[in-house]
Protein backbone atom coordinates (compact mmCIF):
# COMPACT_ATOMS: atom_id res chain seq x y z
CA MET A 1 9.73 46.72 -20.45
CA GLN A 2 11.59 47.37 -17.26
CA ASN A 3 13.90 44.37 -16.98
CA GLY A 4 16.55 43.10 -19.32
CA SER A 5 18.40 44.73 -22.14
CA ASP A 6 17.24 47.51 -24.40
CA VAL A 7 16.35 44.93 -27.06
CA ALA A 8 13.05 43.02 -27.02
CA TYR A 9 12.87 39.78 -28.95
CA GLU A 10 9.46 38.95 -30.42
CA ILE A 11 8.25 35.36 -30.35
CA ALA A 12 5.51 34.58 -32.88
CA THR A 13 3.50 31.53 -31.85
CA VAL A 14 2.09 28.85 -34.14
CA ASN A 15 -1.40 30.35 -33.87
CA GLY A 16 -0.11 33.76 -34.95
CA ASP A 17 -0.03 35.48 -31.54
CA LYS A 18 2.74 38.04 -31.89
CA TYR A 19 2.44 39.58 -28.45
CA PHE A 20 5.10 37.48 -26.74
CA TYR A 21 8.49 39.06 -26.07
CA TYR A 22 11.58 38.41 -24.03
CA THR A 23 14.53 40.46 -22.92
CA LYS A 24 17.87 39.30 -21.57
CA ASN A 25 19.79 40.60 -18.61
CA ALA A 26 22.39 37.86 -18.11
CA PRO A 27 21.81 35.32 -16.73
CA THR A 28 18.07 36.03 -16.49
CA ILE A 29 15.52 36.04 -19.30
CA PHE A 30 12.30 38.01 -18.71
CA PHE A 31 9.12 36.97 -20.53
CA TYR A 32 6.30 39.34 -21.51
CA HIS A 33 2.86 39.04 -23.02
CA LYS A 34 1.24 42.22 -24.29
CA ASN A 35 3.90 44.29 -22.48
CA LYS A 36 3.17 42.68 -19.09
CA GLU A 37 5.90 40.65 -17.45
CA ILE A 38 4.65 37.07 -17.06
CA GLY A 39 7.78 35.48 -15.64
CA SER A 40 11.51 35.07 -15.71
CA SER A 41 14.01 32.25 -15.71
CA ASP A 42 17.69 31.61 -15.39
CA ILE A 43 19.24 30.05 -18.51
CA LYS A 44 20.75 27.18 -16.47
CA MET A 45 17.31 26.44 -15.01
CA MET A 46 15.78 26.32 -18.50
CA ILE A 47 18.46 23.93 -19.74
CA LYS A 48 17.99 21.70 -16.69
CA TYR A 49 14.22 21.61 -17.30
CA LEU A 50 14.68 20.69 -20.97
CA ASN A 51 17.19 17.97 -20.11
CA ASN A 52 14.99 16.53 -17.34
CA HIS A 53 12.04 16.33 -19.74
CA ASN A 54 14.06 15.03 -22.71
CA ASP A 55 12.94 17.99 -24.81
CA GLY A 56 16.16 18.42 -26.76
CA ASN A 57 14.51 17.13 -29.95
CA LYS A 58 11.71 19.69 -29.63
CA VAL A 59 14.26 22.48 -29.29
CA ASN A 60 16.15 21.26 -32.36
CA LYS A 61 12.91 21.25 -34.42
CA ILE A 62 12.06 24.78 -33.28
CA ILE A 63 15.57 26.05 -34.08
CA LYS A 64 15.16 24.97 -37.71
CA ASN A 65 12.24 27.41 -38.06
CA VAL A 66 13.75 30.37 -36.23
CA LYS A 67 13.96 33.58 -38.22
CA VAL A 68 15.87 36.55 -36.84
CA VAL A 69 15.03 40.02 -38.11
CA ASP A 70 16.97 42.90 -36.57
CA GLU A 71 14.78 45.99 -36.67
CA ARG A 72 17.02 48.19 -34.57
CA LYS A 73 17.90 51.49 -36.13
CA THR A 74 21.60 52.18 -36.42
CA ALA A 75 22.90 55.32 -34.74
CA SER A 76 23.47 58.33 -36.93
CA LYS A 77 27.13 59.31 -37.40
CA ASP A 78 26.45 63.06 -37.54
């Protein structure tokens, strides 16, 4: 993945598709599907969209089911 940070965040969908990822390079978020960039968005633009479509409740429901697993390897202290 060329854009964003060195950390990719996996998004598992309801139907089990685990090929969605995003990376952050403030303030932009880059979205990928099967390692191909499919779009990007500014965080402020995403918040504006959610507010304009009254989707705050959907976000709150999703947040309750979020699970974060950090699989980064820590650097060796040799």
